[in-house]
């Protein structure tokens, strides 16, 4: 049986340096996604989205492992796109007005048909409250800057500033949404050891 570690295979995208800003060009990839709004620390809607995403992602993993493809792969980490209507006012200090998309990347051999089957199975087993909000689609982020943040989410401010400053210094400007990839399980990891990829799409200044 083939075993695949996508985080290892895509190390340049999912394991960046914690010291230096790196620029990457993100290809189109397929994701399970759920949209919502509110502070992720307090919003039940956010917790429900995570439950649904993992339920379907793990169902897909075992379907593919036991199916004709017989491929065993690790479920990818939770990711989040975060934004407000006016991104110039985006702040980690006040998350009450944040809008978000929670998502988990899926391998190329995950099809819409397989996702539909996995959702049916997840509904029968656990029926997560946010299951009906889940969608499967391609997301092409394009050129972006990123860095690894080690520490609590509350202490991300200086890392985000360093990222944005580096974008400006390279004669680029921010576009799109603030993007985070949660390499640690924040339910089981102490805050000071959390590892989070901070990513920001950007384009050349004109």
Foldseek 3Di string as FASTA:
>chain_A
DAEDEVCVVVVVVNPAAQPDKDKDFFAKFKKKKFKDAFDCVDDVVNVLRVVLQVQLQVLLQVCCCPDPVVYHYDWFFKKKWKAAPDRVPDDLVDRGGIIMMIITTDDPPDDPVSSVVSLVVSCVPPNRPCSVRIDMDIDGLTMKMKHKDAFASSPCVVVVVVRQVVCVVVQKHFDGTWMKTWPDDVVPDDRRGTIIMTMTRIGHHD
